[in-house]
Amino acid sequence: MPIDQNTATEIEGPALACRFQGFERLEEPRVVVDMPTLRGNIERAVDLIGGRAALHPHVKTHKSLEIARLQKTSGAAGFTAAKPYEALMLLEAGLGPITLAYPQISGQTVCALLKAADRPGDVRFIADSDQTVETLSQAALATGRTASVFLKLDVGLHRCGVDPQAATTIALSARIDRDPRLAFEGLLSHAGHAYGAPTPAAIRAIAARELSLLQDLRKRLRLSGIDVPKVSIGSTPTILANAGFDGIDEVRPGNYVFLDLTAVRLGIAHRADIALAVAARIVSANSRYAIANVGSKMLSSDLGAHGTSATTTFGEAWINDRVAPLTVAKLSEEHAFLIHNNDCPPVGTAVLILPNHACPVANLSGGLLALGEPDAARTIKTEGVLSWS
């Protein structure tokens, strides 16, 4: 049962002093990771899945080989990426198979990834149109390789993917299946609209609908003579809220390693589960706001994944020895406006800001600072963009 969010801050606030140890000694703003919490989140997801589906975490959340290796050690069977350079990073580190869960329209990019793969199936693509299928087929022909392809389905987010109930979906599946240069991997979906659900029960209903759509299409494809080797689903909310894993072969959550205030608002996590935060300091104050030395260039201005959020604020700023946070009411590029309600912390006070959405914060970080380990704090490298020449 999720904790009552009206009383959660009083219960969970003091526990923050036991995590992110040393954040108050940092002189400049940093994105910090509490390593014991990170490891706990990784293990908790593995325990929840319980081997009923293969875990292929999405690395867009952290873009870090170190964290990917922690996931691999804990049982990840492969990884998911959004960008070609993320996939290449993982391939070069021997962490395949990699699912590139983003439609590719550049034959040059597909060729480069096919050449980087040591074995067939080490890199797996998605398709949701005749154009993306043709791009993959031509790249496979040019490289003399076989391109592994999932059919991407739209199960309610209305972003990428084909309608699983449309007659044309079976025709596109058949095109992939009969192309000798392509290997049909199966069906893939992302129920990202679960981030807009009001309760964990509503998330489970979305997850159940996703499973129903996938299982129905798998049955219809098999009746049409098309084998469906795998069904792959994503989304941290639908995995953690959990509507079951019947008929599911792979799961691809990403945000679960860090979690954030969006997960707390959804009722699938507590503040004590959040592994990523921003360490900052109060540098100025006025009658309404305490001003911290971090803004949208580090916190991002994201209110929640996919543009869905139940908030109009930009995080919670915690101070050691306080039982409730200051609300981050608004952001400039390098400033955070914290409402102090006539209890303003002194200039120089260290604050730990829990973000709405961890993924863009990690992306903007330039490197994550690991805290909570026996050794001194150290930087976790995050990968930059590679060029395709």
Protein backbone atom coordinates (compact mmCIF):
# COMPACT_ATOMS: atom_id res chain seq x y z
CA MET A 1 0.00 0.00 0.00
CA PRO A 2 1.53 3.34 -1.01
CA ILE A 3 2.34 5.71 1.81
CA ASP A 4 -0.11 8.60 2.32
CA GLN A 5 1.57 11.46 0.46
CA ASN A 6 0.04 14.01 2.88
CA THR A 7 2.19 12.63 5.69
CA ALA A 8 5.01 11.15 3.63
CA THR A 9 7.39 14.08 3.98
CA GLU A 10 7.33 13.94 7.77
CA ILE A 11 8.09 10.22 7.71
CA GLU A 12 10.61 10.06 4.89
CA GLY A 13 12.37 13.41 5.28
CA PRO A 14 14.67 12.55 8.21
CA ALA A 15 15.74 9.35 6.41
CA LEU A 16 17.36 11.46 3.68
CA ALA A 17 20.07 12.47 6.15
CA CYS A 18 21.13 8.80 6.19
CA ARG A 19 21.49 8.76 2.40
CA PHE A 20 23.44 10.84 -0.13
CA GLN A 21 26.06 11.10 2.60
CA GLY A 22 28.46 13.98 2.06
CA PHE A 23 26.21 16.01 -0.26
CA GLU A 24 26.33 18.91 2.21
CA ARG A 25 30.11 19.20 1.78
CA LEU A 26 29.97 19.83 -1.97
CA GLU A 27 30.89 23.39 -2.89
CA GLU A 28 29.41 23.38 -6.41
CA PRO A 29 26.13 21.91 -7.73
CA ARG A 30 26.36 18.22 -8.66
CA VAL A 31 24.00 15.47 -9.69
CA VAL A 32 24.51 12.85 -7.01
CA VAL A 33 23.61 9.16 -6.79
CA ASP A 34 23.14 7.25 -3.56
CA MET A 35 24.77 3.95 -4.49
CA PRO A 36 23.16 1.71 -1.84
CA THR A 37 19.73 2.94 -2.97
CA LEU A 38 20.65 2.44 -6.63
CA ARG A 39 21.74 -1.14 -5.98
CA GLY A 40 18.58 -1.76 -3.95
CA ASN A 41 16.39 -0.55 -6.82
CA ILE A 42 18.21 -2.81 -9.27
CA GLU A 43 17.81 -5.86 -7.04
CA ARG A 44 14.19 -5.06 -6.20
CA ALA A 45 13.18 -5.10 -9.86
CA VAL A 46 14.97 -8.41 -10.41
CA ASP A 47 13.15 -9.90 -7.42
CA LEU A 48 9.80 -8.55 -8.63
CA ILE A 49 10.22 -10.03 -12.10
CA GLY A 50 11.41 -13.28 -10.54
CA GLY A 51 12.79 -14.74 -13.76
CA ARG A 52 9.35 -14.79 -15.39
CA ALA A 53 10.62 -12.51 -18.17
CA ALA A 54 14.06 -11.51 -19.41
CA LEU A 55 15.16 -8.07 -18.17
CA HIS A 56 16.43 -5.68 -20.88
CA PRO A 57 16.79 -2.33 -19.04
CA HIS A 58 16.62 0.95 -20.94
CA VAL A 59 19.93 2.82 -20.63
CA LYS A 60 18.57 6.21 -21.69
CA THR A 61 17.90 6.75 -17.98
CA HIS A 62 21.58 6.71 -16.98
CA LYS A 63 23.74 6.39 -20.14
CA SER A 64 26.46 4.83 -17.98
CA LEU A 65 28.45 1.67 -18.63
CA GLU A 66 29.15 1.33 -14.91
CA ILE A 67 25.46 1.24 -14.04
CA ALA A 68 24.76 -1.05 -17.01
CA ARG A 69 27.36 -3.47 -15.67
CA LEU A 70 25.67 -3.41 -12.24
CA GLN A 71 22.42 -4.31 -13.99
CA LYS A 72 24.15 -7.06 -15.95
CA THR A 73 25.68 -8.53 -12.79
CA SER A 74 22.22 -8.56 -11.21
CA GLY A 75 20.71 -10.52 -14.06
CA ALA A 76 19.97 -8.25 -17.02
CA ALA A 77 19.82 -10.39 -20.16
CA GLY A 78 20.41 -7.46 -22.53
CA PHE A 79 19.76 -3.74 -22.82
CA THR A 80 17.56 -1.21 -24.57
CA ALA A 81 18.70 2.09 -26.09
CA ALA A 82 17.00 5.09 -27.67
CA LYS A 83 19.95 6.51 -29.56
CA PRO A 84 22.39 4.78 -31.92
CA TYR A 85 25.39 6.00 -29.91
CA GLU A 86 23.94 4.39 -26.78
CA ALA A 87 23.58 1.10 -28.65
CA LEU A 88 27.13 1.37 -29.99
CA MET A 89 28.49 2.11 -26.51
CA LEU A 90 26.89 -1.08 -25.20
CA LEU A 91 27.91 -3.20 -28.19
CA GLU A 92 31.54 -2.13 -27.89
CA ALA A 93 31.43 -3.03 -24.18
CA GLY A 94 30.14 -6.53 -24.98
CA LEU A 95 26.78 -5.92 -23.31
CA GLY A 96 24.53 -7.19 -26.10
CA PRO A 97 21.95 -7.94 -27.22
CA ILE A 98 20.83 -4.34 -27.62
CA THR A 99 17.31 -3.33 -28.62
CA LEU A 100 17.33 0.04 -30.37
CA ALA A 101 13.77 1.01 -29.50
CA TYR A 102 13.50 3.97 -31.84
CA PRO A 103 12.54 3.93 -35.55
CA GLN A 104 15.62 4.21 -37.76
CA ILE A 105 15.33 6.02 -41.09
CA SER A 106 19.07 6.35 -41.80
CA GLY A 107 20.54 3.43 -43.70
CA GLN A 108 24.05 4.64 -42.81
CA THR A 109 23.26 4.40 -39.11
CA VAL A 110 21.77 0.93 -39.42
CA CYS A 111 24.77 -0.28 -41.43
CA ALA A 112 27.18 1.00 -38.77
CA LEU A 113 25.34 -0.84 -36.03
CA LEU A 114 25.04 -4.08 -38.00
CA LYS A 115 28.80 -3.99 -38.62
CA ALA A 116 29.47 -3.33 -34.91
CA ALA A 117 27.52 -6.42 -33.83
CA ASP A 118 29.60 -9.56 -33.32
CA ARG A 119 26.71 -11.95 -33.81
CA PRO A 120 23.30 -11.90 -35.52
CA GLY A 121 20.76 -10.62 -33.04
CA ASP A 122 23.26 -8.59 -31.00
CA VAL A 123 21.46 -5.48 -32.19
CA ARG A 124 17.69 -5.50 -32.65
CA PHE A 125 15.67 -2.78 -34.35
CA ILE A 126 12.01 -1.75 -34.39
CA ALA A 127 9.75 -0.94 -37.32
CA ASP A 128 6.32 0.64 -37.52
CA SER A 129 6.07 1.58 -41.21
CA ASP A 130 6.95 0.35 -44.68
CA GLN A 131 9.67 3.01 -44.78
CA THR A 132 11.45 1.75 -41.66
CA VAL A 133 11.20 -1.84 -42.84
CA GLU A 134 12.72 -0.85 -46.18
CA THR A 135 15.57 1.04 -44.46
CA LEU A 136 16.44 -2.01 -42.39
CA SER A 137 16.17 -4.38 -45.34
CA GLN A 138 18.44 -2.28 -47.57
CA ALA A 139 21.03 -1.87 -44.80
CA ALA A 140 21.06 -5.62 -44.23
CA LEU A 141 21.59 -6.15 -47.96
CA ALA A 142 24.42 -3.60 -48.06
CA THR A 143 26.28 -5.19 -45.12
CA GLY A 144 25.54 -8.83 -45.86
CA ARG A 145 24.02 -9.15 -42.39
CA THR A 146 20.59 -10.10 -41.11
CA ALA A 147 18.71 -7.34 -39.26
CA SER A 148 16.61 -8.45 -36.31
CA VAL A 149 13.33 -6.54 -36.14
CA PHE A 150 10.50 -6.09 -33.64
CA LEU A 151 7.16 -4.72 -34.80
CA LYS A 152 6.47 -1.65 -32.64
CA LEU A 153 2.88 -1.39 -31.38
CA ASP A 154 0.96 1.62 -30.11
CA VAL A 155 -0.88 0.46 -26.97
CA GLY A 156 -2.17 3.88 -25.91
CA LEU A 157 0.63 6.46 -25.79
CA HIS A 158 -0.01 7.42 -29.45
CA ARG A 159 3.64 8.18 -30.15
CA CYS A 160 5.31 5.55 -32.33
CA GLY A 161 3.88 2.20 -33.29
CA VAL A 162 1.10 0.60 -35.30
CA ASP A 163 -2.42 -0.11 -34.13
CA PRO A 164 -2.40 -3.73 -32.87
CA GLN A 165 -6.03 -4.15 -33.94
CA ALA A 166 -5.63 -2.84 -37.50
CA ALA A 167 -5.67 -5.26 -40.45
CA THR A 168 -2.62 -3.51 -41.91
CA THR A 169 -0.60 -4.58 -38.85
CA ILE A 170 -0.71 -8.22 -39.91
CA ALA A 171 0.38 -7.21 -43.42
CA LEU A 172 3.39 -5.29 -42.08
CA SER A 173 4.29 -8.24 -39.84
CA ALA A 174 4.14 -10.53 -42.87
CA ARG A 175 6.42 -8.22 -44.84
CA ILE A 176 9.06 -8.41 -42.11
CA ASP A 177 8.62 -12.15 -41.68
CA ARG A 178 9.03 -13.01 -45.38
CA ASP A 179 12.02 -10.73 -46.06
CA PRO A 180 15.10 -13.03 -46.16
CA ARG A 181 17.31 -10.17 -44.97
CA LEU A 182 15.23 -9.63 -41.81
CA ALA A 183 14.62 -11.79 -38.74
CA PHE A 184 11.23 -11.18 -37.15
CA GLU A 185 11.85 -10.95 -33.38
CA GLY A 186 8.24 -10.39 -32.36
CA LEU A 187 6.14 -7.61 -30.83
CA LEU A 188 7.33 -4.62 -28.78
CA SER A 189 5.36 -1.94 -26.91
CA HIS A 190 5.77 0.90 -24.43
CA ALA A 191 2.79 1.90 -22.27
CA GLY A 192 4.21 5.31 -21.47
CA HIS A 193 0.74 6.76 -20.95
CA ALA A 194 0.83 4.98 -17.57
CA TYR A 195 2.79 8.02 -16.34
CA GLY A 196 -0.49 9.94 -16.52
CA ALA A 197 -2.44 7.44 -14.44
CA PRO A 198 -3.92 8.74 -11.16
CA THR A 199 -3.39 5.60 -9.05
CA PRO A 200 -1.44 2.32 -8.98
CA ALA A 201 -4.72 0.53 -9.77
CA ALA A 202 -5.11 2.66 -12.89
CA ILE A 203 -1.53 1.79 -13.89
CA ARG A 204 -2.33 -1.90 -13.51
CA ALA A 205 -5.40 -1.46 -15.70
CA ILE A 206 -3.22 0.09 -18.42
CA ALA A 207 -0.73 -2.77 -18.05
CA ALA A 208 -3.52 -5.34 -18.28
CA ARG A 209 -4.87 -3.69 -21.44
CA GLU A 210 -1.37 -3.73 -22.93
CA LEU A 211 -1.02 -7.45 -22.20
CA SER A 212 -4.44 -8.17 -23.69
CA LEU A 213 -3.65 -6.32 -26.93
CA LEU A 214 -0.30 -8.08 -27.31
CA GLN A 215 -1.63 -11.54 -26.58
CA ASP A 216 -4.53 -11.07 -28.99
CA LEU A 217 -2.25 -9.94 -31.81
CA ARG A 218 0.21 -12.75 -31.13
CA LYS A 219 -2.64 -15.24 -31.46
CA ARG A 220 -3.91 -13.68 -34.71
CA LEU A 221 -0.41 -13.63 -36.23
CA ARG A 222 0.13 -17.27 -35.39
CA LEU A 223 -3.20 -18.15 -37.00
CA SER A 224 -1.92 -16.30 -40.08
CA GLY A 225 1.15 -18.52 -40.13
CA ILE A 226 3.55 -15.94 -38.64
CA ASP A 227 5.57 -17.09 -35.65
CA VAL A 228 6.01 -14.50 -32.87
CA PRO A 229 9.19 -15.48 -30.99
CA LYS A 230 9.04 -12.73 -28.35
CA VAL A 231 6.75 -10.17 -26.76
CA SER A 232 8.61 -7.25 -25.18
CA ILE A 233 7.09 -4.55 -22.97
CA GLY A 234 8.55 -1.42 -21.37
CA SER A 235 7.64 1.31 -18.81
CA THR A 236 8.73 1.46 -15.18
CA PRO A 237 5.21 2.16 -13.85
CA THR A 238 3.62 -0.88 -15.49
CA ILE A 239 6.46 -3.14 -14.33
CA LEU A 240 6.45 -1.92 -10.71
CA ALA A 241 2.64 -1.77 -10.41
CA ASN A 242 2.67 -5.21 -12.10
CA ALA A 243 -0.34 -6.72 -13.82
CA GLY A 244 1.50 -10.02 -14.25
CA PHE A 245 3.91 -11.46 -16.79
CA ASP A 246 1.80 -14.09 -18.56
CA GLY A 247 2.74 -14.21 -22.24
CA ILE A 248 5.57 -11.70 -21.74
CA ASP A 249 9.10 -12.68 -22.75
CA GLU A 250 11.01 -9.44 -22.07
CA VAL A 251 10.60 -6.29 -19.99
CA ARG A 252 12.42 -3.00 -20.60
CA PRO A 253 12.04 -0.58 -17.64
CA GLY A 254 14.50 2.32 -17.43
CA ASN A 255 13.66 4.83 -14.70
CA TYR A 256 13.48 2.13 -12.00
CA VAL A 257 17.19 2.44 -11.24
CA PHE A 258 16.87 6.07 -10.03
CA LEU A 259 13.14 6.74 -9.57
CA ASP A 260 11.97 10.30 -8.83
CA LEU A 261 9.08 12.40 -7.54
CA THR A 262 6.93 11.33 -10.48
CA ALA A 263 7.20 7.73 -9.26
CA VAL A 264 6.34 8.90 -5.74
CA ARG A 265 3.24 10.75 -7.00
CA LEU A 266 2.18 7.66 -8.96
CA GLY A 267 2.32 5.62 -5.76
CA ILE A 268 4.91 3.13 -7.07
CA ALA A 269 7.83 4.39 -4.95
CA HIS A 270 8.72 6.26 -1.77
CA ARG A 271 11.18 9.11 -1.40
CA ALA A 272 13.50 6.61 0.28
CA ASP A 273 13.67 4.76 -3.06
CA ILE A 274 14.93 7.79 -5.02
CA ALA A 275 18.60 7.23 -5.86
CA LEU A 276 19.33 10.44 -7.81
CA ALA A 277 19.22 14.03 -6.59
CA VAL A 278 20.89 17.40 -7.14
CA ALA A 279 23.14 18.83 -4.44
CA ALA A 280 23.14 22.63 -4.33
CA ARG A 281 23.44 25.61 -1.97
CA ILE A 282 21.42 28.66 -1.05
CA VAL A 283 23.22 31.66 -2.55
CA SER A 284 20.65 34.42 -2.02
CA ALA A 285 17.32 35.10 -0.32
CA ASN A 286 14.44 37.54 -0.34
CA SER A 287 11.08 37.91 1.39
CA ARG A 288 9.54 35.02 -0.57
CA TYR A 289 12.27 32.81 -1.99
CA ALA A 290 15.52 31.21 -1.03
CA ILE A 291 17.60 31.00 -4.22
CA ALA A 292 19.69 27.88 -4.90
CA ASN A 293 22.62 27.81 -7.31
CA VAL A 294 21.09 25.33 -9.76
CA GLY A 295 18.46 25.79 -12.45
CA SER A 296 16.90 24.28 -15.55
CA LYS A 297 20.32 23.54 -17.07
CA MET A 298 20.78 20.84 -14.43
CA LEU A 299 17.34 20.11 -12.99
CA SER A 300 15.59 20.41 -16.38
CA SER A 301 12.16 22.03 -16.56
CA ASP A 302 10.41 18.66 -16.96
CA LEU A 303 7.25 18.18 -14.91
CA GLY A 304 7.09 14.46 -15.68
CA ALA A 305 7.65 11.83 -18.36
CA HIS A 306 5.88 12.26 -21.73
CA GLY A 307 4.60 15.69 -20.70
CA THR A 308 2.30 14.16 -18.10
CA SER A 309 2.45 15.33 -14.51
CA ALA A 310 0.25 16.11 -11.54
CA THR A 311 2.48 18.97 -10.44
CA THR A 312 3.33 22.54 -11.38
CA THR A 313 6.53 22.66 -9.35
CA PHE A 314 10.09 21.53 -10.07
CA GLY A 315 11.15 19.38 -7.16
CA GLU A 316 11.64 19.28 -3.41
CA ALA A 317 14.66 20.89 -1.68
CA TRP A 318 15.60 19.03 1.47
CA ILE A 319 17.83 20.35 4.24
CA ASN A 320 19.39 18.16 6.92
CA ASP A 321 17.49 18.26 10.23
CA ARG A 322 14.26 19.55 8.62
CA VAL A 323 11.24 17.24 8.42
CA ALA A 324 9.67 18.89 5.36
CA PRO A 325 11.17 20.24 2.13
CA LEU A 326 11.10 23.63 0.49
CA THR A 327 9.11 23.59 -2.74
CA VAL A 328 11.04 24.43 -5.92
CA ALA A 329 8.45 26.84 -7.31
CA LYS A 330 10.21 27.93 -10.51
CA LEU A 331 13.53 27.86 -12.32
CA SER A 332 15.82 30.15 -14.25
CA GLU A 333 18.67 28.62 -16.21
CA GLU A 334 21.03 28.75 -13.20
CA HIS A 335 18.69 29.54 -10.29
CA ALA A 336 16.04 27.62 -8.34
CA PHE A 337 13.34 29.59 -6.48
CA LEU A 338 12.54 27.83 -3.19
CA ILE A 339 9.47 28.99 -1.26
CA HIS A 340 10.55 29.43 2.38
CA ASN A 341 7.27 30.52 4.05
CA ASN A 342 9.07 32.91 6.43
CA ASP A 343 11.47 30.19 7.57
CA CYS A 344 14.35 31.03 5.25
CA PRO A 345 17.53 28.95 5.55
CA PRO A 346 20.75 30.99 5.84
CA VAL A 347 22.77 31.79 2.72
CA GLY A 348 25.30 28.99 2.28
CA THR A 349 22.93 26.21 3.45
CA ALA A 350 23.30 22.92 1.55
CA VAL A 351 20.13 21.57 -0.06
CA LEU A 352 19.38 18.25 -1.71
CA ILE A 353 16.81 18.58 -4.49
CA LEU A 354 14.73 15.57 -5.48
CA PRO A 355 13.71 16.04 -9.14
CA ASN A 356 10.42 15.43 -10.90
CA HIS A 357 12.05 13.31 -13.61
CA ALA A 358 15.44 11.69 -13.11
CA CYS A 359 16.16 10.81 -16.76
CA PRO A 360 16.72 14.35 -18.16
CA VAL A 361 18.65 15.33 -15.01
CA ALA A 362 21.11 12.48 -15.55
CA ASN A 363 21.33 13.41 -19.23
CA LEU A 364 22.26 17.01 -18.37
CA SER A 365 24.73 16.07 -15.65
CA GLY A 366 27.96 15.53 -17.58
CA GLY A 367 28.81 12.89 -14.97
CA LEU A 368 27.13 11.56 -11.83
CA LEU A 369 28.77 11.78 -8.40
CA ALA A 370 28.51 8.48 -6.52
CA LEU A 371 27.89 8.82 -2.77
CA GLY A 372 27.34 6.37 0.06
CA GLU A 373 30.26 4.02 -0.57
CA PRO A 374 33.17 3.23 1.77
CA ASP A 375 35.61 4.97 -0.55
CA ALA A 376 35.57 8.70 -1.28
CA ALA A 377 32.96 10.14 -3.58
CA ARG A 378 33.73 9.47 -7.23
CA THR A 379 32.33 10.34 -10.63
CA ILE A 380 30.28 7.88 -12.65
CA LYS A 381 30.96 8.63 -16.28
CA THR A 382 28.01 9.23 -18.60
CA GLU A 383 28.47 8.96 -22.33
CA GLY A 384 28.36 11.86 -24.79
CA VAL A 385 27.12 11.85 -28.36
CA LEU A 386 29.17 10.03 -30.98
CA SER A 387 29.23 11.19 -34.57
CA TRP A 388 28.39 8.93 -37.51
CA SER A 389 30.85 9.45 -40.32
